[in-house]
Amino acid sequence: MTSYFAQLTTEMNNPATSAIDECDTREMLLLMNQEDQRVPESVRQEIDAIADAVDIVVKSLKNGGRMYYVGAGTSGRLGVLDASECPPTYGTDPELVQAYIAGGDTAIRTAVEGSEDDSESGALLIREKGVRIGDVVVGITASGTTPYVLGAIRQAQESGAATIGVVTNKNSRLSELCDICIAPVVGPEVIAGSTRLKSGSAQKLVLNMLTTGAMIKLGKVYNNLMVDLKASNSKLYDRSIRIVREVTGASEQQAAETLKQAGLHVKTAILMLETGADFGEATTLLELNEGKLKAAIRSRKGPEPGGNEDD
């Protein structure tokens, strides 16, 4: 009898790379690159589902909810990577977007054998974290069969949270459980079953879209600039100065002084320079306009001639 796993696209043998072990280095890398070309197109085919998922995440975070990534192996590590980048990039509280991996933090660096097969551990995680109505849980698994992830998603649904799946196989077990399932099919891997390759790349692109799309819609981006970043190191401080200058036209000294007055908060510094508001008033304006910088500027200065009120 054929096993369930043998039917998964990600477990199949790729005829295009069947002789990759006989290739010279350049030929080998060209084969890998050729297969990688399928990744962005597979993600593109799932744009409608990704858009629906982003809207769910925005609704959750806007109304006090939290976002949780749950995965195992490569999928889990990608969730941890995406979540960990949100605080420095968008100034979010670390509790807003969280990520957990089967086997715990040890599994980020070292494989913890068997942990992904424990569905009860996934369910326990959701209970321990207090997932509730208004939260959203994103299960990440290439196969769509990982028990740890399935257990977490089932428990999340019982807790009333919204659920999203990110898989690289169609009609997976996870898709049967989730409110929305995002399933870019990248085809068999270059090395059969090695889902850290094309599957991992596709999942990374999807997770990028989920958090980046949500943060843009939550007002944490002005034009295409990360105006809610935290200047927690010299590179980010330098970037903060450059962003303030680019938006306002201020001198480097003026940008630095205003940024200091604004507690190193780029968005507040820009608002102060653009409107003449002091720190307290700028903070209030941002709160009244749900953190959206363009709306806060317009509420003080009025709309620009020919401008779009909905920007």
Protein backbone atom coordinates (compact mmCIF):
# COMPACT_ATOMS: atom_id res chain seq x y z
CA MET A 1 0.00 0.00 0.00
CA THR A 2 1.34 3.46 -0.92
CA SER A 3 2.05 5.61 2.13
CA TYR A 4 0.34 8.95 2.59
CA PHE A 5 3.69 10.77 2.47
CA ALA A 6 4.65 9.20 -0.85
CA GLN A 7 1.72 11.04 -2.45
CA LEU A 8 2.96 14.46 -1.38
CA THR A 9 4.49 16.61 -4.10
CA THR A 10 7.31 17.60 -1.78
CA GLU A 11 8.27 13.95 -1.27
CA MET A 12 8.37 13.01 -4.95
CA ASN A 13 11.48 12.51 -7.04
CA ASN A 14 12.37 15.40 -9.35
CA PRO A 15 13.25 14.08 -12.83
CA ALA A 16 15.03 17.34 -13.69
CA THR A 17 17.67 16.66 -11.05
CA SER A 18 17.89 12.88 -11.18
CA ALA A 19 21.56 13.03 -12.23
CA ILE A 20 22.59 16.03 -10.16
CA ASP A 21 25.23 13.97 -8.39
CA GLU A 22 27.04 13.58 -11.72
CA CYS A 23 27.05 17.30 -12.58
CA ASP A 24 30.01 19.59 -12.29
CA THR A 25 29.65 22.44 -9.80
CA ARG A 26 28.32 25.00 -12.27
CA GLU A 27 25.79 22.58 -13.78
CA MET A 28 24.61 21.61 -10.30
CA LEU A 29 24.04 25.22 -9.30
CA LEU A 30 22.26 26.03 -12.57
CA LEU A 31 19.86 23.16 -11.90
CA MET A 32 19.15 24.50 -8.43
CA ASN A 33 18.63 28.01 -9.77
CA GLN A 34 16.36 26.71 -12.51
CA GLU A 35 14.16 24.96 -9.96
CA ASP A 36 14.13 28.05 -7.73
CA GLN A 37 12.48 30.02 -10.55
CA ARG A 38 9.27 28.15 -9.76
CA VAL A 39 9.04 29.57 -6.25
CA PRO A 40 7.83 33.17 -6.84
CA GLU A 41 5.29 32.06 -9.44
CA SER A 42 3.88 29.45 -7.05
CA VAL A 43 3.46 32.16 -4.43
CA ARG A 44 1.82 34.45 -6.97
CA GLN A 45 -0.84 31.82 -7.57
CA GLU A 46 -1.80 32.11 -3.89
CA ILE A 47 -2.10 35.92 -3.74
CA ASP A 48 -5.86 35.88 -3.14
CA ALA A 49 -5.49 33.56 -0.16
CA ILE A 50 -2.55 35.58 1.17
CA ALA A 51 -4.58 38.80 0.86
CA ASP A 52 -7.43 37.27 2.85
CA ALA A 53 -4.93 36.12 5.47
CA VAL A 54 -3.34 39.59 5.74
CA ASP A 55 -6.77 41.13 6.32
CA ILE A 56 -7.44 38.63 9.10
CA VAL A 57 -4.09 39.46 10.73
CA VAL A 58 -4.74 43.21 10.47
CA LYS A 59 -8.17 42.86 12.07
CA SER A 60 -6.69 40.82 14.88
CA LEU A 61 -3.74 43.08 15.67
CA LYS A 62 -5.79 46.26 15.31
CA ASN A 63 -8.25 45.03 17.92
CA GLY A 64 -5.79 43.88 20.56
CA GLY A 65 -5.17 40.38 19.29
CA ARG A 66 -1.86 38.60 18.84
CA MET A 67 -0.34 36.61 16.02
CA TYR A 68 1.32 33.24 16.63
CA TYR A 69 3.49 31.23 14.26
CA VAL A 70 3.70 27.52 15.02
CA GLY A 71 5.96 25.17 13.07
CA ALA A 72 8.60 22.45 13.18
CA GLY A 73 12.04 22.13 11.65
CA THR A 74 12.75 24.57 8.82
CA SER A 75 9.16 25.82 8.85
CA GLY A 76 9.36 26.59 12.56
CA ARG A 77 12.70 28.38 12.18
CA LEU A 78 11.27 30.56 9.41
CA GLY A 79 8.44 31.58 11.72
CA VAL A 80 10.91 32.48 14.47
CA LEU A 81 12.94 34.53 11.99
CA ASP A 82 9.93 36.47 10.74
CA ALA A 83 8.53 37.18 14.21
CA SER A 84 11.89 38.26 15.62
CA GLU A 85 12.30 40.90 12.92
CA CYS A 86 9.02 42.69 13.69
CA PRO A 87 10.12 44.64 16.82
CA PRO A 88 13.24 46.26 15.31
CA THR A 89 11.65 46.84 11.90
CA TYR A 90 8.21 48.06 12.97
CA GLY A 91 8.61 48.96 16.63
CA THR A 92 6.13 46.32 17.75
CA ASP A 93 5.90 44.80 21.20
CA PRO A 94 7.55 41.35 21.15
CA GLU A 95 4.26 39.88 22.37
CA LEU A 96 2.40 41.07 19.26
CA VAL A 97 3.91 38.55 16.83
CA GLN A 98 5.22 35.41 18.49
CA ALA A 99 6.73 32.22 17.07
CA TYR A 100 7.13 28.73 18.49
CA ILE A 101 8.87 25.65 17.19
CA ALA A 102 8.44 21.97 18.07
CA GLY A 103 11.14 21.05 20.55
CA GLY A 104 11.38 24.57 21.98
CA ASP A 105 14.17 27.09 21.53
CA THR A 106 16.77 24.32 21.42
CA ALA A 107 15.26 23.23 18.10
CA ILE A 108 16.12 26.58 16.53
CA ARG A 109 19.75 25.45 16.32
CA THR A 110 19.59 21.69 16.82
CA ALA A 111 17.17 19.06 15.57
CA VAL A 112 15.02 17.70 18.40
CA GLU A 113 14.02 14.30 17.07
CA GLY A 114 10.41 13.26 17.42
CA SER A 115 9.17 16.61 18.75
CA GLU A 116 7.20 17.38 15.60
CA ASP A 117 5.22 14.14 16.00
CA ASP A 118 3.73 15.22 19.34
CA SER A 119 0.33 16.75 18.62
CA GLU A 120 -0.48 17.17 22.30
CA SER A 121 2.59 19.40 22.75
CA GLY A 122 1.22 21.66 20.03
CA ALA A 123 -2.16 21.83 21.73
CA LEU A 124 -0.53 22.43 25.12
CA LEU A 125 1.46 25.33 23.69
CA ILE A 126 -1.73 27.07 22.59
CA ARG A 127 -3.34 26.57 25.99
CA GLU A 128 -0.24 27.76 27.88
CA LYS A 129 0.04 30.91 25.78
CA GLY A 130 -3.55 31.78 26.51
CA VAL A 131 -4.62 31.96 22.87
CA ARG A 132 -8.15 33.32 22.73
CA ILE A 133 -10.85 34.80 20.53
CA GLY A 134 -9.37 37.68 18.53
CA ASP A 135 -5.94 36.06 18.14
CA VAL A 136 -4.67 34.44 14.95
CA VAL A 137 -2.54 31.29 14.77
CA VAL A 138 -0.50 30.49 11.66
CA GLY A 139 0.54 26.86 11.23
CA ILE A 140 3.60 26.37 9.01
CA THR A 141 4.40 22.93 7.62
CA ALA A 142 5.61 21.96 4.16
CA SER A 143 3.82 18.63 4.17
CA GLY A 144 0.68 19.86 5.86
CA THR A 145 0.78 16.77 8.06
CA THR A 146 3.03 17.68 11.01
CA PRO A 147 1.19 16.51 14.17
CA TYR A 148 2.64 19.29 16.38
CA VAL A 149 1.22 21.92 14.04
CA LEU A 150 -2.09 20.13 13.54
CA GLY A 151 -2.51 19.83 17.30
CA ALA A 152 -1.85 23.54 17.74
CA ILE A 153 -4.32 24.51 15.03
CA ARG A 154 -7.07 22.28 16.43
CA GLN A 155 -6.58 23.78 19.88
CA ALA A 156 -6.52 27.30 18.44
CA GLN A 157 -9.86 26.70 16.79
CA GLU A 158 -11.32 25.38 20.03
CA SER A 159 -10.05 28.56 21.70
CA GLY A 160 -11.88 30.70 19.13
CA ALA A 161 -8.80 32.05 17.36
CA ALA A 162 -8.59 32.52 13.60
CA THR A 163 -6.37 29.95 11.89
CA ILE A 164 -4.16 30.17 8.81
CA GLY A 165 -2.11 27.39 7.22
CA VAL A 166 1.07 27.79 5.16
CA VAL A 167 1.91 24.58 3.28
CA THR A 168 3.50 23.55 -0.03
CA ASN A 169 1.15 20.70 -0.90
CA LYS A 170 -2.44 20.92 -2.07
CA ASN A 171 -5.31 19.24 -0.25
CA SER A 172 -3.27 18.67 2.89
CA ARG A 173 -4.55 17.63 6.30
CA LEU A 174 -3.82 21.13 7.54
CA SER A 175 -6.00 22.67 4.81
CA GLU A 176 -8.96 20.75 6.20
CA LEU A 177 -8.56 22.48 9.58
CA CYS A 178 -7.69 26.09 8.81
CA ASP A 179 -9.93 29.05 8.06
CA ILE A 180 -7.52 29.94 5.23
CA CYS A 181 -4.82 27.75 3.73
CA ILE A 182 -2.01 29.23 1.64
CA ALA A 183 -0.51 26.48 -0.49
CA PRO A 184 2.13 27.46 -3.07
CA VAL A 185 3.08 24.25 -4.86
CA VAL A 186 6.73 24.41 -5.84
CA GLY A 187 6.99 20.86 -7.19
CA PRO A 188 9.40 18.12 -6.14
CA GLU A 189 12.54 19.34 -4.42
CA VAL A 190 16.00 19.39 -6.01
CA ILE A 191 16.96 16.75 -3.45
CA ALA A 192 13.87 14.60 -2.93
CA GLY A 193 12.12 15.50 0.32
CA SER A 194 14.53 18.31 1.29
CA THR A 195 11.87 20.91 2.01
CA ARG A 196 14.36 23.44 3.33
CA LEU A 197 14.94 24.23 -0.35
CA LYS A 198 12.05 25.40 -2.59
CA SER A 199 9.38 24.82 0.04
CA GLY A 200 11.32 26.83 2.60
CA SER A 201 11.86 29.65 0.12
CA ALA A 202 8.15 29.77 -0.71
CA GLN A 203 7.17 29.79 2.96
CA LYS A 204 9.63 32.61 3.64
CA LEU A 205 8.05 34.71 0.88
CA VAL A 206 4.57 34.08 2.26
CA LEU A 207 5.55 34.98 5.84
CA ASN A 208 7.21 38.15 4.52
CA MET A 209 3.90 39.09 2.93
CA LEU A 210 1.82 38.33 6.01
CA THR A 211 3.73 40.55 8.43
CA THR A 212 4.86 43.21 5.97
CA GLY A 213 1.37 43.55 4.51
CA ALA A 214 -0.16 43.74 7.98
CA MET A 215 2.33 46.32 9.23
CA ILE A 216 1.78 48.53 6.17
CA LYS A 217 -1.98 48.46 6.71
CA LEU A 218 -1.49 49.24 10.41
CA GLY A 219 0.31 52.47 9.50
CA LYS A 220 3.84 51.43 10.31
CA VAL A 221 5.13 52.44 6.87
CA TYR A 222 5.17 55.93 5.31
CA ASN A 223 5.43 55.65 1.52
CA ASN A 224 7.88 52.73 1.57
CA LEU A 225 9.86 53.83 4.63
CA MET A 226 9.91 51.99 7.98
CA VAL A 227 8.94 54.93 10.16
CA ASP A 228 8.25 52.83 13.26
CA LEU A 229 11.68 51.21 13.44
CA LYS A 230 13.61 51.21 16.71
CA ALA A 231 17.06 52.81 16.50
CA SER A 232 18.59 50.06 18.62
CA ASN A 233 22.03 50.05 16.97
CA SER A 234 24.26 52.39 14.98
CA LYS A 235 22.98 51.19 11.60
CA LEU A 236 19.35 51.71 12.57
CA TYR A 237 20.15 55.11 14.11
CA ASP A 238 21.80 56.17 10.87
CA ARG A 239 18.81 54.90 8.91
CA SER A 240 16.48 56.81 11.22
CA ILE A 241 18.31 60.07 10.51
CA ARG A 242 18.19 59.42 6.78
CA ILE A 243 14.46 58.63 6.85
CA VAL A 244 13.65 61.81 8.77
CA ARG A 245 15.73 63.85 6.33
CA GLU A 246 14.22 62.19 3.25
CA VAL A 247 10.65 62.86 4.34
CA THR A 248 11.09 66.36 5.77
CA GLY A 249 14.10 67.83 3.97
CA ALA A 250 15.68 68.68 7.34
CA SER A 251 19.42 69.05 7.80
CA GLU A 252 21.32 66.23 9.45
CA GLN A 253 21.71 68.26 12.64
CA GLN A 254 18.04 69.24 12.72
CA ALA A 255 16.97 65.65 12.08
CA ALA A 256 19.24 64.35 14.85
CA GLU A 257 18.06 66.96 17.36
CA THR A 258 14.38 66.34 16.62
CA LEU A 259 14.84 62.59 16.71
CA LYS A 260 16.38 62.93 20.16
CA GLN A 261 13.44 65.07 21.32
CA ALA A 262 11.10 62.39 19.95
CA GLY A 263 12.75 59.65 21.99
CA LEU A 264 14.36 58.23 18.83
CA HIS A 265 10.89 57.55 17.38
CA VAL A 266 11.12 58.31 13.66
CA LYS A 267 7.40 58.76 13.07
CA THR A 268 7.06 61.27 15.88
CA ALA A 269 10.13 63.22 14.74
CA ILE A 270 8.75 63.49 11.22
CA LEU A 271 5.40 64.70 12.49
CA MET A 272 7.08 67.32 14.66
CA LEU A 273 9.13 68.66 11.76
CA GLU A 274 6.29 68.54 9.25
CA THR A 275 3.69 70.26 11.44
CA GLY A 276 5.61 72.23 14.07
CA ALA A 277 3.95 70.21 16.83
CA ASP A 278 5.89 69.55 20.02
CA PHE A 279 6.51 66.02 21.28
CA GLY A 280 3.34 65.84 23.37
CA GLU A 281 1.07 67.11 20.64
CA ALA A 282 2.70 64.88 18.03
CA THR A 283 2.17 61.86 20.25
CA THR A 284 -1.49 62.76 20.72
CA LEU A 285 -1.99 63.31 16.98
CA LEU A 286 -0.59 59.87 16.24
CA GLU A 287 -2.84 58.26 18.83
CA LEU A 288 -5.90 60.02 17.41
CA ASN A 289 -5.02 58.84 13.91
CA GLU A 290 -4.30 55.19 14.86
CA GLY A 291 -0.58 55.64 14.30
CA LYS A 292 -0.97 56.58 10.63
CA LEU A 293 1.52 59.32 9.87
CA LYS A 294 -0.06 60.70 6.71
CA ALA A 295 -3.43 61.00 8.41
CA ALA A 296 -1.82 62.70 11.42
CA ILE A 297 -0.03 65.23 9.22
CA ARG A 298 -3.23 66.02 7.32
CA SER A 299 -5.23 66.39 10.52
CA ARG A 300 -2.86 69.22 11.48
CA LYS A 301 -2.04 70.75 8.08
CA GLY A 302 -5.00 69.75 5.96
CA PRO A 303 -4.86 67.62 2.77
CA GLU A 304 -2.33 68.44 0.10
CA PRO A 305 -3.78 69.87 -3.15
CA GLY A 306 -4.82 66.94 -5.36
CA GLY A 307 -3.98 64.49 -2.59
CA ASN A 308 -5.83 61.27 -1.93
CA GLU A 309 -7.59 61.29 1.43
CA ASP A 310 -7.35 57.52 1.61
CA ASP A 311 -3.53 57.31 1.32
